[in-house]
Amino acid sequence: MMARFVVTGTDTGIGKTVFAAALTSALGACYWKPVQSGLEEETDAETVARLGNVPAERIVREAYRLKTPASPHHAAMLDDVEIDPGALSPPAITGSLVVEGAGGVLVPLTSKTLFADVFARWQVPVILCARTSLGTINHTLMSVEALQRRTVPIFGIAFIGEENLETQRIIVKMSGVRTLGRLAPTNPLTHERLIEAFHRGFDITMFRSLQA
């Protein structure tokens, strides 16, 4: 069985799509964003394809494409679309797969279902992306608690941002969840610079250890 991961975050806009692009590229994996909210600007799948240099045949089409850049439950309401959480399952593909959630762990998919609830049903190892800046300790520890309460398997925490050793240390100590590494900021953000930063910050063999 090839490696499968769910990439989620402690908040929105922290860089989990950039991390997902790098991981997808490094693993030669397919990428799937179950629900895309917001279509006017570049979608997350388009960002992954561009930054990860991922060919179109390895980008799995979203199950739901919603116009408004908002929480999926709200965007679906505005689009008059009914999301069926029970119908969402990781696609059956040959090879590795990176699935990206929307926003943070407890973002509502519908008025009754959170993304964490879907992750619990899937039982696919989750990579929790966490920024390193002020406020991340609280957000990260709460996200870990929410996942653990639902018995979601957590593969590890991927830090994103400038190095903050004490913040990273206390999160790992108090959560009991290992760190996978840190993705440093890159400017300009290009495919080449992203892949270089990813391999500098992470040991790719750690992610491939799930492959058999």
C-alpha atoms as a PDB file:
ATOM      1  CA  MET A   1       0.000   0.000   0.000  1.00  0.00           C
ATOM      2  CA  MET A   2       1.337   3.431  -0.910  1.00  0.00           C
ATOM      3  CA  ALA A   3       1.530   6.434   1.415  1.00  0.00           C
ATOM      4  CA  ARG A   4      -1.675   8.359   2.097  1.00  0.00           C
ATOM      5  CA  PHE A   5      -1.920  11.540   4.118  1.00  0.00           C
ATOM      6  CA  VAL A   6      -4.476  14.154   5.032  1.00  0.00           C
ATOM      7  CA  VAL A   7      -2.928  17.625   5.281  1.00  0.00           C
ATOM      8  CA  THR A   8      -4.862  19.894   7.620  1.00  0.00           C
ATOM      9  CA  GLY A   9      -4.027  23.010   9.593  1.00  0.00           C
ATOM     10  CA  THR A  10      -4.532  24.919  12.810  1.00  0.00           C
ATOM     11  CA  ASP A  11      -6.042  27.838  10.906  1.00  0.00           C
ATOM     12  CA  THR A  12      -6.613  29.193   7.422  1.00  0.00           C
ATOM     13  CA  GLY A  13      -3.879  30.875   5.428  1.00  0.00           C
ATOM     14  CA  ILE A  14      -0.966  29.294   7.289  1.00  0.00           C
ATOM     15  CA  GLY A  15       0.642  27.642   4.268  1.00  0.00           C
ATOM     16  CA  LYS A  16      -0.784  24.131   4.264  1.00  0.00           C
ATOM     17  CA  THR A  17      -1.442  24.271   0.499  1.00  0.00           C
ATOM     18  CA  VAL A  18       2.199  25.193  -0.081  1.00  0.00           C
ATOM     19  CA  PHE A  19       3.258  22.301   2.160  1.00  0.00           C
ATOM     20  CA  ALA A  20       0.822  19.979   0.345  1.00  0.00           C
ATOM     21  CA  ALA A  21       2.352  21.029  -2.988  1.00  0.00           C
ATOM     22  CA  ALA A  22       5.852  20.197  -1.773  1.00  0.00           C
ATOM     23  CA  LEU A  23       4.796  16.860  -0.253  1.00  0.00           C
ATOM     24  CA  THR A  24       2.832  15.853  -3.359  1.00  0.00           C
ATOM     25  CA  SER A  25       5.841  16.653  -5.527  1.00  0.00           C
ATOM     26  CA  ALA A  26       8.335  14.871  -3.262  1.00  0.00           C
ATOM     27  CA  LEU A  27       6.239  11.694  -3.108  1.00  0.00           C
ATOM     28  CA  GLY A  28       5.205  11.733  -6.766  1.00  0.00           C
ATOM     29  CA  ALA A  29       1.692  11.517  -5.326  1.00  0.00           C
ATOM     30  CA  CYS A  30      -1.777  12.421  -6.517  1.00  0.00           C
ATOM     31  CA  TYR A  31      -3.505  15.388  -4.875  1.00  0.00           C
ATOM     32  CA  TRP A  32      -7.159  15.791  -3.906  1.00  0.00           C
ATOM     33  CA  LYS A  33      -9.002  18.710  -2.366  1.00  0.00           C
ATOM     34  CA  PRO A  34     -12.478  17.354  -1.504  1.00  0.00           C
ATOM     35  CA  VAL A  35     -14.141  20.773  -1.195  1.00  0.00           C
ATOM     36  CA  GLN A  36     -12.890  23.958  -2.842  1.00  0.00           C
ATOM     37  CA  SER A  37     -14.464  27.187  -1.593  1.00  0.00           C
ATOM     38  CA  GLY A  38     -13.684  30.155  -3.842  1.00  0.00           C
ATOM     39  CA  LEU A  39     -13.199  29.944  -7.591  1.00  0.00           C
ATOM     40  CA  GLU A  40     -12.377  33.496  -8.685  1.00  0.00           C
ATOM     41  CA  GLU A  41      -8.698  33.303  -7.751  1.00  0.00           C
ATOM     42  CA  GLU A  42      -6.267  30.405  -8.155  1.00  0.00           C
ATOM     43  CA  THR A  43      -7.739  27.300  -6.516  1.00  0.00           C
ATOM     44  CA  ASP A  44      -5.727  25.153  -4.119  1.00  0.00           C
ATOM     45  CA  ALA A  45      -5.471  22.397  -6.729  1.00  0.00           C
ATOM     46  CA  GLU A  46      -4.123  24.907  -9.251  1.00  0.00           C
ATOM     47  CA  THR A  47      -1.613  26.161  -6.675  1.00  0.00           C
ATOM     48  CA  VAL A  48      -0.435  22.610  -5.981  1.00  0.00           C
ATOM     49  CA  ALA A  49      -0.116  21.908  -9.702  1.00  0.00           C
ATOM     50  CA  ARG A  50       1.932  25.089 -10.221  1.00  0.00           C
ATOM     51  CA  LEU A  51       4.172  25.060  -7.137  1.00  0.00           C
ATOM     52  CA  GLY A  52       4.569  21.291  -7.010  1.00  0.00           C
ATOM     53  CA  ASN A  53       4.935  20.951 -10.789  1.00  0.00           C
ATOM     54  CA  VAL A  54       2.303  18.237 -10.527  1.00  0.00           C
ATOM     55  CA  PRO A  55       0.893  17.063 -13.893  1.00  0.00           C
ATOM     56  CA  ALA A  56      -2.840  17.332 -14.524  1.00  0.00           C
ATOM     57  CA  GLU A  57      -3.350  13.558 -14.441  1.00  0.00           C
ATOM     58  CA  ARG A  58      -2.221  13.519 -10.780  1.00  0.00           C
ATOM     59  CA  ILE A  59      -4.702  16.195  -9.716  1.00  0.00           C
ATOM     60  CA  VAL A  60      -8.009  14.566  -8.723  1.00  0.00           C
ATOM     61  CA  ARG A  61     -11.010  16.804  -9.371  1.00  0.00           C
ATOM     62  CA  GLU A  62     -12.735  18.233  -6.313  1.00  0.00           C
ATOM     63  CA  ALA A  63     -15.982  16.614  -5.183  1.00  0.00           C
ATOM     64  CA  TYR A  64     -17.483  20.074  -4.589  1.00  0.00           C
ATOM     65  CA  ARG A  65     -16.464  23.373  -6.229  1.00  0.00           C
ATOM     66  CA  LEU A  66     -18.106  26.315  -4.454  1.00  0.00           C
ATOM     67  CA  LYS A  67     -17.940  29.912  -5.661  1.00  0.00           C
ATOM     68  CA  THR A  68     -17.624  31.826  -2.396  1.00  0.00           C
ATOM     69  CA  PRO A  69     -14.335  31.876  -0.432  1.00  0.00           C
ATOM     70  CA  ALA A  70     -15.936  30.977   2.897  1.00  0.00           C
ATOM     71  CA  SER A  71     -16.398  28.044   5.246  1.00  0.00           C
ATOM     72  CA  PRO A  72     -17.698  25.125   3.110  1.00  0.00           C
ATOM     73  CA  HIS A  73     -21.012  24.968   4.976  1.00  0.00           C
ATOM     74  CA  HIS A  74     -21.646  28.668   4.267  1.00  0.00           C
ATOM     75  CA  ALA A  75     -20.352  28.607   0.691  1.00  0.00           C
ATOM     76  CA  ALA A  76     -22.583  25.617  -0.045  1.00  0.00           C
ATOM     77  CA  MET A  77     -25.563  27.447   1.428  1.00  0.00           C
ATOM     78  CA  LEU A  78     -24.918  30.466  -0.806  1.00  0.00           C
ATOM     79  CA  ASP A  79     -24.482  28.235  -3.867  1.00  0.00           C
ATOM     80  CA  ASP A  80     -27.604  26.228  -3.005  1.00  0.00           C
ATOM     81  CA  VAL A  81     -25.515  23.055  -2.889  1.00  0.00           C
ATOM     82  CA  GLU A  82     -26.022  20.219  -0.410  1.00  0.00           C
ATOM     83  CA  ILE A  83     -22.772  18.593   0.704  1.00  0.00           C
ATOM     84  CA  ASP A  84     -23.047  14.919   1.604  1.00  0.00           C
ATOM     85  CA  PRO A  85     -20.194  14.168   4.039  1.00  0.00           C
ATOM     86  CA  GLY A  86     -20.903  10.448   3.878  1.00  0.00           C
ATOM     87  CA  ALA A  87     -20.183  10.419   0.156  1.00  0.00           C
ATOM     88  CA  LEU A  88     -16.705  11.868   0.641  1.00  0.00           C
ATOM     89  CA  SER A  89     -14.017   9.195   0.612  1.00  0.00           C
ATOM     90  CA  PRO A  90     -10.384   9.328  -0.545  1.00  0.00           C
ATOM     91  CA  PRO A  91     -10.278   8.319  -4.222  1.00  0.00           C
ATOM     92  CA  ALA A  92      -9.162   4.800  -5.049  1.00  0.00           C
ATOM     93  CA  ILE A  93      -5.982   5.426  -6.993  1.00  0.00           C
ATOM     94  CA  THR A  94      -2.753   3.593  -7.669  1.00  0.00           C
ATOM     95  CA  GLY A  95       0.106   5.254  -5.853  1.00  0.00           C
ATOM     96  CA  SER A  96       0.459   7.771  -3.061  1.00  0.00           C
ATOM     97  CA  LEU A  97      -2.177  10.371  -2.242  1.00  0.00           C
ATOM     98  CA  VAL A  98      -2.181  13.738  -0.490  1.00  0.00           C
ATOM     99  CA  VAL A  99      -5.606  15.008   0.604  1.00  0.00           C
ATOM    100  CA  GLU A 100      -5.994  18.608   1.760  1.00  0.00           C
ATOM    101  CA  GLY A 101      -8.734  19.768   4.086  1.00  0.00           C
ATOM    102  CA  ALA A 102     -10.200  23.276   4.223  1.00  0.00           C
ATOM    103  CA  GLY A 103      -9.026  25.798   6.798  1.00  0.00           C
ATOM    104  CA  GLY A 104      -8.565  24.328  10.274  1.00  0.00           C
ATOM    105  CA  VAL A 105      -9.459  21.023  11.884  1.00  0.00           C
ATOM    106  CA  LEU A 106     -12.860  22.167  13.167  1.00  0.00           C
ATOM    107  CA  VAL A 107     -14.081  23.943  10.031  1.00  0.00           C
ATOM    108  CA  PRO A 108     -17.745  23.017   9.383  1.00  0.00           C
ATOM    109  CA  LEU A 109     -18.347  20.955   6.282  1.00  0.00           C
ATOM    110  CA  THR A 110     -22.092  21.165   6.892  1.00  0.00           C
ATOM    111  CA  SER A 111     -24.146  22.545   9.781  1.00  0.00           C
ATOM    112  CA  LYS A 112     -23.781  19.150  11.477  1.00  0.00           C
ATOM    113  CA  THR A 113     -20.387  17.828  10.391  1.00  0.00           C
ATOM    114  CA  LEU A 114     -16.847  19.117  10.939  1.00  0.00           C
ATOM    115  CA  PHE A 115     -13.856  18.186   8.816  1.00  0.00           C
ATOM    116  CA  ALA A 116     -12.389  16.402  11.862  1.00  0.00           C
ATOM    117  CA  ASP A 117     -15.446  14.118  11.884  1.00  0.00           C
ATOM    118  CA  VAL A 118     -14.749  13.100   8.293  1.00  0.00           C
ATOM    119  CA  PHE A 119     -11.068  12.531   9.096  1.00  0.00           C
ATOM    120  CA  ALA A 120     -12.138  10.257  11.950  1.00  0.00           C
ATOM    121  CA  ARG A 121     -14.174   8.128   9.548  1.00  0.00           C
ATOM    122  CA  TRP A 122     -11.360   7.921   7.029  1.00  0.00           C
ATOM    123  CA  GLN A 123      -8.637   6.941   9.552  1.00  0.00           C
ATOM    124  CA  VAL A 124      -5.969   8.257   7.178  1.00  0.00           C
ATOM    125  CA  PRO A 125      -2.855   9.625   8.956  1.00  0.00           C
ATOM    126  CA  VAL A 126      -3.124  13.382   9.411  1.00  0.00           C
ATOM    127  CA  ILE A 127      -0.289  15.886   9.075  1.00  0.00           C
ATOM    128  CA  LEU A 128      -1.111  18.974  11.117  1.00  0.00           C
ATOM    129  CA  CYS A 129       0.417  22.147   9.670  1.00  0.00           C
ATOM    130  CA  ALA A 130       1.142  24.800  12.287  1.00  0.00           C
ATOM    131  CA  ARG A 131       2.690  28.232  11.912  1.00  0.00           C
ATOM    132  CA  THR A 132       5.582  29.167  14.187  1.00  0.00           C
ATOM    133  CA  SER A 133       4.474  32.722  15.003  1.00  0.00           C
ATOM    134  CA  LEU A 134       2.716  34.091  18.089  1.00  0.00           C
ATOM    135  CA  GLY A 135      -0.557  32.345  18.966  1.00  0.00           C
ATOM    136  CA  THR A 136       0.349  29.003  17.456  1.00  0.00           C
ATOM    137  CA  ILE A 137       0.800  27.175  20.783  1.00  0.00           C
ATOM    138  CA  ASN A 138      -2.857  27.603  21.690  1.00  0.00           C
ATOM    139  CA  HIS A 139      -4.148  26.855  18.188  1.00  0.00           C
ATOM    140  CA  THR A 140      -1.956  23.787  17.754  1.00  0.00           C
ATOM    141  CA  LEU A 141      -2.653  22.197  21.137  1.00  0.00           C
ATOM    142  CA  MET A 142      -6.410  22.682  20.680  1.00  0.00           C
ATOM    143  CA  SER A 143      -6.230  21.172  17.177  1.00  0.00           C
ATOM    144  CA  VAL A 144      -4.334  18.152  18.493  1.00  0.00           C
ATOM    145  CA  GLU A 145      -6.884  17.679  21.283  1.00  0.00           C
ATOM    146  CA  ALA A 146      -9.768  17.861  18.798  1.00  0.00           C
ATOM    147  CA  LEU A 147      -8.165  15.209  16.582  1.00  0.00           C
ATOM    148  CA  GLN A 148      -7.219  12.935  19.471  1.00  0.00           C
ATOM    149  CA  ARG A 149     -10.707  13.161  20.969  1.00  0.00           C
ATOM    150  CA  ARG A 150     -12.021  11.738  17.704  1.00  0.00           C
ATOM    151  CA  THR A 151      -9.255   9.096  17.532  1.00  0.00           C
ATOM    152  CA  VAL A 152      -7.879  10.565  14.313  1.00  0.00           C
ATOM    153  CA  PRO A 153      -4.376   9.153  13.684  1.00  0.00           C
ATOM    154  CA  ILE A 154      -1.864  12.042  13.742  1.00  0.00           C
ATOM    155  CA  PHE A 155       1.278  11.377  11.710  1.00  0.00           C
ATOM    156  CA  GLY A 156       3.014  14.483  13.021  1.00  0.00           C
ATOM    157  CA  ILE A 157       3.214  18.264  13.035  1.00  0.00           C
ATOM    158  CA  ALA A 158       4.739  20.227  10.156  1.00  0.00           C
ATOM    159  CA  PHE A 159       5.815  23.684  11.267  1.00  0.00           C
ATOM    160  CA  ILE A 160       5.672  26.512   8.747  1.00  0.00           C
ATOM    161  CA  GLY A 161       7.547  29.783   9.139  1.00  0.00           C
ATOM    162  CA  GLU A 162      10.681  31.181  10.712  1.00  0.00           C
ATOM    163  CA  GLU A 163      12.402  28.989  13.279  1.00  0.00           C
ATOM    164  CA  ASN A 164      11.007  29.389  16.807  1.00  0.00           C
ATOM    165  CA  LEU A 165      12.716  26.688  18.829  1.00  0.00           C
ATOM    166  CA  GLU A 166      10.953  27.198  22.166  1.00  0.00           C
ATOM    167  CA  THR A 167       7.511  27.375  20.597  1.00  0.00           C
ATOM    168  CA  GLN A 168       8.170  24.242  18.569  1.00  0.00           C
ATOM    169  CA  ARG A 169       9.630  22.439  21.609  1.00  0.00           C
ATOM    170  CA  ILE A 170       6.741  23.172  23.957  1.00  0.00           C
ATOM    171  CA  ILE A 171       4.125  22.178  21.368  1.00  0.00           C
ATOM    172  CA  VAL A 172       5.792  18.799  20.857  1.00  0.00           C
ATOM    173  CA  LYS A 173       6.286  18.276  24.615  1.00  0.00           C
ATOM    174  CA  MET A 174       2.742  19.198  25.657  1.00  0.00           C
ATOM    175  CA  SER A 175       0.938  17.539  22.747  1.00  0.00           C
ATOM    176  CA  GLY A 176       2.968  14.343  22.689  1.00  0.00           C
ATOM    177  CA  VAL A 177       2.978  14.570  18.891  1.00  0.00           C
ATOM    178  CA  ARG A 178       6.288  14.476  17.036  1.00  0.00           C
ATOM    179  CA  THR A 179       7.521  17.202  14.745  1.00  0.00           C
ATOM    180  CA  LEU A 180       8.123  16.217  11.141  1.00  0.00           C
ATOM    181  CA  GLY A 181      10.217  19.296  10.409  1.00  0.00           C
ATOM    182  CA  ARG A 182       9.825  22.925   9.417  1.00  0.00           C
ATOM    183  CA  LEU A 183       9.138  24.571   6.079  1.00  0.00           C
ATOM    184  CA  ALA A 184      11.026  27.860   6.032  1.00  0.00           C
ATOM    185  CA  PRO A 185       9.643  30.917   4.177  1.00  0.00           C
ATOM    186  CA  THR A 186      10.839  31.228   0.574  1.00  0.00           C
ATOM    187  CA  ASN A 187      10.909  34.417  -1.447  1.00  0.00           C
ATOM    188  CA  PRO A 188      10.181  34.356  -4.272  1.00  0.00           C
ATOM    189  CA  LEU A 189       7.982  31.297  -3.893  1.00  0.00           C
ATOM    190  CA  THR A 190       8.777  29.154  -6.919  1.00  0.00           C
ATOM    191  CA  HIS A 191       8.722  25.417  -7.509  1.00  0.00           C
ATOM    192  CA  GLU A 192      12.497  25.149  -7.333  1.00  0.00           C
ATOM    193  CA  ARG A 193      12.829  27.185  -4.134  1.00  0.00           C
ATOM    194  CA  LEU A 194       9.920  25.371  -2.481  1.00  0.00           C
ATOM    195  CA  ILE A 195      11.341  21.915  -3.181  1.00  0.00           C
ATOM    196  CA  GLU A 196      14.750  23.037  -1.943  1.00  0.00           C
ATOM    197  CA  ALA A 197      13.215  24.372   1.286  1.00  0.00           C
ATOM    198  CA  PHE A 198      11.149  21.210   1.755  1.00  0.00           C
ATOM    199  CA  HIS A 199      14.132  18.886   1.451  1.00  0.00           C
ATOM    200  CA  ARG A 200      16.103  21.146   3.788  1.00  0.00           C
ATOM    201  CA  GLY A 201      13.387  21.038   6.429  1.00  0.00           C
ATOM    202  CA  PHE A 202      12.081  17.464   6.171  1.00  0.00           C
ATOM    203  CA  ASP A 203      13.407  13.939   5.800  1.00  0.00           C
ATOM    204  CA  ILE A 204      11.410  12.551   2.881  1.00  0.00           C
ATOM    205  CA  THR A 205      12.123   8.969   3.963  1.00  0.00           C
ATOM    206  CA  MET A 206       9.923   9.620   7.006  1.00  0.00           C
ATOM    207  CA  PHE A 207       6.915  10.060   4.723  1.00  0.00           C
ATOM    208  CA  ARG A 208       7.859   7.164   2.493  1.00  0.00           C
ATOM    209  CA  SER A 209       8.007   4.851   5.511  1.00  0.00           C
ATOM    210  CA  LEU A 210       4.280   4.240   5.042  1.00  0.00           C
ATOM    211  CA  GLN A 211       4.916   2.756   1.624  1.00  0.00           C
ATOM    212  CA  ALA A 212       5.141  -0.989   1.202  1.00  0.00           C
END
